[in-house]
PDB file of all heavy atoms in Angstrom:
ATOM      1  N   GLY A   1      18.274  -2.992  12.545  1.00  0.00           N
ATOM      2  CA  GLY A   1      19.672  -2.622  12.688  1.00  0.00           C
ATOM      3  C   GLY A   1      19.860  -1.122  12.793  1.00  0.00           C
ATOM      4  O   GLY A   1      18.988  -0.396  13.262  1.00  0.00           O
ATOM      5  N   SER A   2      21.011  -0.648  12.302  1.00  0.00           N
ATOM      6  CA  SER A   2      21.269   0.788  12.355  1.00  0.00           C
ATOM      7  C   SER A   2      20.395   1.507  11.345  1.00  0.00           C
ATOM      8  O   SER A   2      19.975   0.958  10.345  1.00  0.00           O
ATOM      9  CB  SER A   2      22.757   1.038  12.047  1.00  0.00           C
ATOM     10  OG  SER A   2      23.069   0.532  10.774  1.00  0.00           O
ATOM     11  N   SER A   3      20.142   2.777  11.620  1.00  0.00           N
ATOM     12  CA  SER A   3      19.273   3.560  10.730  1.00  0.00           C
ATOM     13  C   SER A   3      19.976   3.784   9.399  1.00  0.00           C
ATOM     14  O   SER A   3      21.174   4.067   9.343  1.00  0.00           O
ATOM     15  CB  SER A   3      18.936   4.895  11.376  1.00  0.00           C
ATOM     16  OG  SER A   3      20.114   5.627  11.631  1.00  0.00           O
ATOM     17  N   VAL A   4      19.236   3.625   8.320  1.00  0.00           N
ATOM     18  CA  VAL A   4      19.772   3.797   6.970  1.00  0.00           C
ATOM     19  C   VAL A   4      18.879   4.806   6.253  1.00  0.00           C
ATOM     20  O   VAL A   4      17.646   4.748   6.363  1.00  0.00           O
ATOM     21  CB  VAL A   4      19.788   2.449   6.206  1.00  0.00           C
ATOM     22  CG1 VAL A   4      20.253   2.659   4.785  1.00  0.00           C
ATOM     23  CG2 VAL A   4      20.673   1.442   6.925  1.00  0.00           C
ATOM     24  N   ASN A   5      19.510   5.706   5.541  1.00  0.00           N
ATOM     25  CA  ASN A   5      18.752   6.679   4.778  1.00  0.00           C
ATOM     26  C   ASN A   5      18.163   6.013   3.533  1.00  0.00           C
ATOM     27  O   ASN A   5      18.899   5.600   2.637  1.00  0.00           O
ATOM     28  CB  ASN A   5      19.658   7.848   4.378  1.00  0.00           C
ATOM     29  CG  ASN A   5      18.889   8.921   3.637  1.00  0.00           C
ATOM     30  OD1 ASN A   5      17.696   9.108   3.854  1.00  0.00           O
ATOM     31  ND2 ASN A   5      19.590   9.631   2.748  1.00  0.00           N
ATOM     32  N   VAL A   6      16.834   5.899   3.480  1.00  0.00           N
ATOM     33  CA  VAL A   6      16.157   5.256   2.352  1.00  0.00           C
ATOM     34  C   VAL A   6      15.511   6.347   1.511  1.00  0.00           C
ATOM     35  O   VAL A   6      14.649   7.080   2.002  1.00  0.00           O
ATOM     36  CB  VAL A   6      15.097   4.250   2.835  1.00  0.00           C
ATOM     37  CG1 VAL A   6      14.411   3.591   1.641  1.00  0.00           C
ATOM     38  CG2 VAL A   6      15.730   3.196   3.744  1.00  0.00           C
ATOM     39  N   PRO A   7      15.909   6.482   0.244  1.00  0.00           N
ATOM     40  CA  PRO A   7      15.344   7.533  -0.608  1.00  0.00           C
ATOM     41  C   PRO A   7      13.847   7.373  -0.784  1.00  0.00           C
ATOM     42  O   PRO A   7      13.312   6.264  -0.695  1.00  0.00           O
ATOM     43  CB  PRO A   7      16.084   7.337  -1.946  1.00  0.00           C
ATOM     44  CG  PRO A   7      17.325   6.567  -1.595  1.00  0.00           C
ATOM     45  CD  PRO A   7      16.958   5.704  -0.433  1.00  0.00           C
ATOM     46  N   PRO A   8      13.136   8.449  -1.030  1.00  0.00           N
ATOM     47  CA  PRO A   8      11.690   8.367  -1.280  1.00  0.00           C
ATOM     48  C   PRO A   8      11.378   7.435  -2.449  1.00  0.00           C
ATOM     49  O   PRO A   8      12.110   7.411  -3.440  1.00  0.00           O
ATOM     50  CB  PRO A   8      11.294   9.821  -1.620  1.00  0.00           C
ATOM     51  CG  PRO A   8      12.383  10.653  -1.012  1.00  0.00           C
ATOM     52  CD  PRO A   8      13.631   9.847  -1.078  1.00  0.00           C
ATOM     53  N   GLY A   9      10.292   6.693  -2.307  1.00  0.00           N
ATOM     54  CA  GLY A   9       9.902   5.756  -3.371  1.00  0.00           C
ATOM     55  C   GLY A   9      10.709   4.487  -3.388  1.00  0.00           C
ATOM     56  O   GLY A   9      10.553   3.657  -4.301  1.00  0.00           O
ATOM     57  N   THR A  10      11.571   4.324  -2.394  1.00  0.00           N
ATOM     58  CA  THR A  10      12.452   3.158  -2.325  1.00  0.00           C
ATOM     59  C   THR A  10      12.214   2.404  -1.022  1.00  0.00           C
ATOM     60  O   THR A  10      11.880   3.011  -0.002  1.00  0.00           O
ATOM     61  CB  THR A  10      13.933   3.601  -2.399  1.00  0.00           C
ATOM     62  OG1 THR A  10      14.149   4.294  -3.611  1.00  0.00           O
ATOM     63  CG2 THR A  10      14.880   2.430  -2.305  1.00  0.00           C
ATOM     64  N   ARG A  11      12.389   1.128  -1.062  1.00  0.00           N
ATOM     65  CA  ARG A  11      12.286   0.305   0.138  1.00  0.00           C
ATOM     66  C   ARG A  11      13.569  -0.498   0.321  1.00  0.00           C
ATOM     67  O   ARG A  11      14.186  -0.934  -0.644  1.00  0.00           O
ATOM     68  CB  ARG A  11      11.087  -0.650  -0.005  1.00  0.00           C
ATOM     69  CG  ARG A  11      10.819  -1.496   1.234  1.00  0.00           C
ATOM     70  CD  ARG A  11       9.620  -2.406   1.019  1.00  0.00           C
ATOM     71  NE  ARG A  11       9.518  -3.401   2.064  1.00  0.00           N
ATOM     72  CZ  ARG A  11       8.783  -4.506   1.993  1.00  0.00           C
ATOM     73  NH1 ARG A  11       8.062  -4.733   0.901  1.00  0.00           N
ATOM     74  NH2 ARG A  11       8.733  -5.364   2.981  1.00  0.00           N
ATOM     75  N   LEU A  12      13.962  -0.664   1.565  1.00  0.00           N
ATOM     76  CA  LEU A  12      15.164  -1.432   1.912  1.00  0.00           C
ATOM     77  C   LEU A  12      14.787  -2.849   2.277  1.00  0.00           C
ATOM     78  O   LEU A  12      13.896  -3.084   3.101  1.00  0.00           O
ATOM     79  CB  LEU A  12      15.909  -0.759   3.071  1.00  0.00           C
ATOM     80  CG  LEU A  12      17.056  -1.552   3.695  1.00  0.00           C
ATOM     81  CD1 LEU A  12      18.155  -1.834   2.669  1.00  0.00           C
ATOM     82  CD2 LEU A  12      17.624  -0.800   4.900  1.00  0.00           C
ATOM     83  N   HIS A  13      15.491  -3.830   1.694  1.00  0.00           N
ATOM     84  CA  HIS A  13      15.270  -5.243   1.991  1.00  0.00           C
ATOM     85  C   HIS A  13      16.585  -5.834   2.497  1.00  0.00           C
ATOM     86  O   HIS A  13      17.639  -5.619   1.897  1.00  0.00           O
ATOM     87  CB  HIS A  13      14.843  -6.001   0.729  1.00  0.00           C
ATOM     88  CG  HIS A  13      13.616  -5.444   0.068  1.00  0.00           C
ATOM     89  ND1 HIS A  13      12.369  -5.990   0.209  1.00  0.00           N
ATOM     90  CD2 HIS A  13      13.474  -4.349  -0.744  1.00  0.00           C
ATOM     91  CE1 HIS A  13      11.503  -5.282  -0.491  1.00  0.00           C
ATOM     92  NE2 HIS A  13      12.145  -4.276  -1.072  1.00  0.00           N
ATOM     93  N   ARG A  14      16.503  -6.584   3.598  1.00  0.00           N
ATOM     94  CA  ARG A  14      17.709  -7.172   4.169  1.00  0.00           C
ATOM     95  C   ARG A  14      17.638  -8.698   4.097  1.00  0.00           C
ATOM     96  O   ARG A  14      16.576  -9.297   4.261  1.00  0.00           O
ATOM     97  CB  ARG A  14      17.863  -6.747   5.640  1.00  0.00           C
ATOM     98  CG  ARG A  14      18.244  -5.287   5.847  1.00  0.00           C
ATOM     99  CD  ARG A  14      18.525  -5.026   7.328  1.00  0.00           C
ATOM    100  NE  ARG A  14      19.080  -3.706   7.557  1.00  0.00           N
ATOM    101  CZ  ARG A  14      18.367  -2.615   7.807  1.00  0.00           C
ATOM    102  NH1 ARG A  14      17.041  -2.710   7.855  1.00  0.00           N
ATOM    103  NH2 ARG A  14      18.953  -1.460   8.019  1.00  0.00           N
ATOM    104  N   PHE A  15      18.816  -9.304   3.881  1.00  0.00           N
ATOM    105  CA  PHE A  15      18.917 -10.748   3.770  1.00  0.00           C
ATOM    106  C   PHE A  15      20.176 -11.244   4.479  1.00  0.00           C
ATOM    107  O   PHE A  15      21.153 -10.498   4.622  1.00  0.00           O
ATOM    108  CB  PHE A  15      18.969 -11.172   2.301  1.00  0.00           C
ATOM    109  CG  PHE A  15      17.763 -10.759   1.496  1.00  0.00           C
ATOM    110  CD1 PHE A  15      17.747  -9.519   0.863  1.00  0.00           C
ATOM    111  CD2 PHE A  15      16.689 -11.590   1.376  1.00  0.00           C
ATOM    112  CE1 PHE A  15      16.641  -9.113   0.119  1.00  0.00           C
ATOM    113  CE2 PHE A  15      15.569 -11.199   0.639  1.00  0.00           C
ATOM    114  CZ  PHE A  15      15.548  -9.972   0.009  1.00  0.00           C
ATOM    115  N   ARG A  16      20.124 -12.509   4.893  1.00  0.00           N
ATOM    116  CA  ARG A  16      21.328 -13.138   5.478  1.00  0.00           C
ATOM    117  C   ARG A  16      21.360 -14.605   5.064  1.00  0.00           C
ATOM    118  O   ARG A  16      20.349 -15.302   5.052  1.00  0.00           O
ATOM    119  CB  ARG A  16      21.320 -13.020   7.000  1.00  0.00           C
ATOM    120  CG  ARG A  16      20.101 -13.641   7.660  1.00  0.00           C
ATOM    121  CD  ARG A  16      20.090 -13.466   9.177  1.00  0.00           C
ATOM    122  NE  ARG A  16      18.864 -13.987   9.760  1.00  0.00           N
ATOM    123  CZ  ARG A  16      18.668 -15.281  10.064  1.00  0.00           C
ATOM    124  NH1 ARG A  16      19.645 -16.153   9.867  1.00  0.00           N
ATOM    125  NH2 ARG A  16      17.526 -15.695  10.567  1.00  0.00           N
ATOM    126  N   GLN A  17      22.546 -15.066   4.695  1.00  0.00           N
ATOM    127  CA  GLN A  17      22.764 -16.471   4.364  1.00  0.00           C
ATOM    128  C   GLN A  17      23.892 -16.994   5.262  1.00  0.00           C
ATOM    129  O   GLN A  17      25.076 -16.761   4.978  1.00  0.00           O
ATOM    130  CB  GLN A  17      23.140 -16.628   2.891  1.00  0.00           C
ATOM    131  CG  GLN A  17      23.412 -18.072   2.455  1.00  0.00           C
ATOM    132  CD  GLN A  17      22.305 -19.024   2.853  1.00  0.00           C
ATOM    133  OE1 GLN A  17      22.372 -19.674   3.919  1.00  0.00           O
ATOM    134  NE2 GLN A  17      21.271 -19.101   2.039  1.00  0.00           N
ATOM    135  N   PRO A  18      23.526 -17.693   6.343  1.00  0.00           N
ATOM    136  CA  PRO A  18      24.539 -18.130   7.309  1.00  0.00           C
ATOM    137  C   PRO A  18      25.266 -19.403   6.919  1.00  0.00           C
ATOM    138  O   PRO A  18      26.227 -19.792   7.597  1.00  0.00           O
ATOM    139  CB  PRO A  18      23.719 -18.345   8.590  1.00  0.00           C
ATOM    140  CG  PRO A  18      22.362 -18.754   8.087  1.00  0.00           C
ATOM    141  CD  PRO A  18      22.153 -17.979   6.819  1.00  0.00           C
ATOM    142  N   VAL A  19      24.822 -20.076   5.863  1.00  0.00           N
ATOM    143  CA  VAL A  19      25.447 -21.344   5.453  1.00  0.00           C
ATOM    144  C   VAL A  19      26.444 -21.052   4.330  1.00  0.00           C
ATOM    145  O   VAL A  19      26.093 -20.439   3.326  1.00  0.00           O
ATOM    146  CB  VAL A  19      24.383 -22.353   4.980  1.00  0.00           C
ATOM    147  CG1 VAL A  19      25.041 -23.685   4.592  1.00  0.00           C
ATOM    148  CG2 VAL A  19      23.332 -22.570   6.055  1.00  0.00           C
ATOM    149  N   PRO A  20      27.696 -21.509   4.471  1.00  0.00           N
ATOM    150  CA  PRO A  20      28.683 -21.237   3.419  1.00  0.00           C
ATOM    151  C   PRO A  20      28.272 -21.859   2.086  1.00  0.00           C
ATOM    152  O   PRO A  20      27.816 -23.009   2.035  1.00  0.00           O
ATOM    153  CB  PRO A  20      29.965 -21.897   3.948  1.00  0.00           C
ATOM    154  CG  PRO A  20      29.755 -22.063   5.415  1.00  0.00           C
ATOM    155  CD  PRO A  20      28.276 -22.239   5.601  1.00  0.00           C
ATOM    156  N   MET A  21      28.473 -21.108   1.007  1.00  0.00           N
ATOM    157  CA  MET A  21      28.073 -21.569  -0.326  1.00  0.00           C
ATOM    158  C   MET A  21      28.942 -20.885  -1.364  1.00  0.00           C
ATOM    159  O   MET A  21      29.518 -19.827  -1.108  1.00  0.00           O
ATOM    160  CB  MET A  21      26.601 -21.255  -0.577  1.00  0.00           C
ATOM    161  CG  MET A  21      26.273 -19.790  -0.410  1.00  0.00           C
ATOM    162  SD  MET A  21      24.575 -19.380  -0.840  1.00  0.00           S
ATOM    163  CE  MET A  21      24.874 -18.049  -2.000  1.00  0.00           C
ATOM    164  N   PRO A  22      29.054 -21.455  -2.560  1.00  0.00           N
ATOM    165  CA  PRO A  22      29.844 -20.808  -3.626  1.00  0.00           C
ATOM    166  C   PRO A  22      29.132 -19.576  -4.161  1.00  0.00           C
ATOM    167  O   PRO A  22      27.901 -19.446  -4.063  1.00  0.00           O
ATOM    168  CB  PRO A  22      29.953 -21.897  -4.695  1.00  0.00           C
ATOM    169  CG  PRO A  22      28.766 -22.781  -4.462  1.00  0.00           C
ATOM    170  CD  PRO A  22      28.530 -22.775  -2.989  1.00  0.00           C
ATOM    171  N   THR A  23      29.904 -18.680  -4.753  1.00  0.00           N
ATOM    172  CA  THR A  23      29.333 -17.411  -5.204  1.00  0.00           C
ATOM    173  C   THR A  23      28.351 -17.577  -6.346  1.00  0.00           C
ATOM    174  O   THR A  23      27.481 -16.714  -6.544  1.00  0.00           O
ATOM    175  CB  THR A  23      30.443 -16.428  -5.648  1.00  0.00           C
ATOM    176  OG1 THR A  23      31.303 -17.089  -6.569  1.00  0.00           O
ATOM    177  CG2 THR A  23      31.243 -15.946  -4.462  1.00  0.00           C
ATOM    178  N   TYR A  24      28.438 -18.672  -7.108  1.00  0.00           N
ATOM    179  CA  TYR A  24      27.479 -18.821  -8.207  1.00  0.00           C
ATOM    180  C   TYR A  24      26.048 -19.019  -7.703  1.00  0.00           C
ATOM    181  O   TYR A  24      25.096 -18.938  -8.498  1.00  0.00           O
ATOM    182  CB  TYR A  24      27.896 -19.951  -9.162  1.00  0.00           C
ATOM    183  CG  TYR A  24      27.700 -21.374  -8.657  1.00  0.00           C
ATOM    184  CD1 TYR A  24      26.455 -21.986  -8.640  1.00  0.00           C
ATOM    185  CD2 TYR A  24      28.807 -22.125  -8.234  1.00  0.00           C
ATOM    186  CE1 TYR A  24      26.292 -23.295  -8.196  1.00  0.00           C
ATOM    187  CE2 TYR A  24      28.650 -23.437  -7.797  1.00  0.00           C
ATOM    188  CZ  TYR A  24      27.393 -24.015  -7.781  1.00  0.00           C
ATOM    189  OH  TYR A  24      27.240 -25.320  -7.340  1.00  0.00           O
ATOM    190  N   LEU A  25      25.893 -19.249  -6.397  1.00  0.00           N
ATOM    191  CA  LEU A  25      24.573 -19.416  -5.820  1.00  0.00           C
ATOM    192  C   LEU A  25      24.005 -18.108  -5.260  1.00  0.00           C
ATOM    193  O   LEU A  25      22.877 -18.085  -4.748  1.00  0.00           O
ATOM    194  CB  LEU A  25      24.584 -20.487  -4.736  1.00  0.00           C
ATOM    195  CG  LEU A  25      24.809 -21.913  -5.216  1.00  0.00           C
ATOM    196  CD1 LEU A  25      24.923 -22.876  -4.039  1.00  0.00           C
ATOM    197  CD2 LEU A  25      23.693 -22.356  -6.155  1.00  0.00           C
ATOM    198  N   ILE A  26      24.750 -17.017  -5.334  1.00  0.00           N
ATOM    199  CA  ILE A  26      24.187 -15.726  -4.956  1.00  0.00           C
ATOM    200  C   ILE A  26      23.186 -15.313  -6.044  1.00  0.00           C
ATOM    201  O   ILE A  26      23.516 -15.321  -7.231  1.00  0.00           O
ATOM    202  CB  ILE A  26      25.266 -14.643  -4.790  1.00  0.00           C
ATOM    203  CG1 ILE A  26      26.208 -15.034  -3.647  1.00  0.00           C
ATOM    204  CG2 ILE A  26      24.648 -13.281  -4.521  1.00  0.00           C
ATOM    205  CD1 ILE A  26      27.380 -14.080  -3.452  1.00  0.00           C
ATOM    206  N   ALA A  27      21.960 -15.019  -5.633  1.00  0.00           N
ATOM    207  CA  ALA A  27      20.903 -14.751  -6.617  1.00  0.00           C
ATOM    208  C   ALA A  27      19.992 -13.663  -6.118  1.00  0.00           C
ATOM    209  O   ALA A  27      19.799 -13.498  -4.907  1.00  0.00           O
ATOM    210  CB  ALA A  27      20.088 -16.011  -6.896  1.00  0.00           C
ATOM    211  N   ILE A  28      19.421 -12.920  -7.059  1.00  0.00           N
ATOM    212  CA  ILE A  28      18.480 -11.855  -6.739  1.00  0.00           C
ATOM    213  C   ILE A  28      17.376 -11.834  -7.787  1.00  0.00           C
ATOM    214  O   ILE A  28      17.592 -12.140  -8.960  1.00  0.00           O
ATOM    215  CB  ILE A  28      19.186 -10.481  -6.674  1.00  0.00           C
ATOM    216  CG1 ILE A  28      18.216  -9.383  -6.196  1.00  0.00           C
ATOM    217  CG2 ILE A  28      19.829 -10.115  -8.019  1.00  0.00           C
ATOM    218  CD1 ILE A  28      18.890  -8.057  -5.884  1.00  0.00           C
ATOM    219  N   ALA A  29      16.176 -11.496  -7.331  1.00  0.00           N
ATOM    220  CA  ALA A  29      15.046 -11.247  -8.235  1.00  0.00           C
ATOM    221  C   ALA A  29      14.253 -10.067  -7.677  1.00  0.00           C
ATOM    222  O   ALA A  29      14.031  -9.981  -6.462  1.00  0.00           O
ATOM    223  CB  ALA A  29      14.147 -12.482  -8.356  1.00  0.00           C
ATOM    224  N   VAL A  30      13.836  -9.183  -8.547  1.00  0.00           N
ATOM    225  CA  VAL A  30      13.068  -7.990  -8.161  1.00  0.00           C
ATOM    226  C   VAL A  30      11.909  -7.847  -9.134  1.00  0.00           C
ATOM    227  O   VAL A  30      12.110  -7.764 -10.351  1.00  0.00           O
ATOM    228  CB  VAL A  30      13.936  -6.719  -8.203  1.00  0.00           C
ATOM    229  CG1 VAL A  30      13.147  -5.516  -7.716  1.00  0.00           C
ATOM    230  CG2 VAL A  30      15.213  -6.893  -7.381  1.00  0.00           C
ATOM    231  N   GLY A  31      10.693  -7.871  -8.619  1.00  0.00           N
ATOM    232  CA  GLY A  31       9.544  -7.730  -9.486  1.00  0.00           C
ATOM    233  C   GLY A  31       8.259  -7.549  -8.704  1.00  0.00           C
ATOM    234  O   GLY A  31       8.259  -7.552  -7.469  1.00  0.00           O
TER     235      GLY A  31
END
């Protein structure tokens, strides 16, 4: 996509969910 300024030591991750769903199903894990 468009260029994004990513700080040093950081990585950008992109996601898309095209199927409609309730907000309680929005989830993230980082490890």
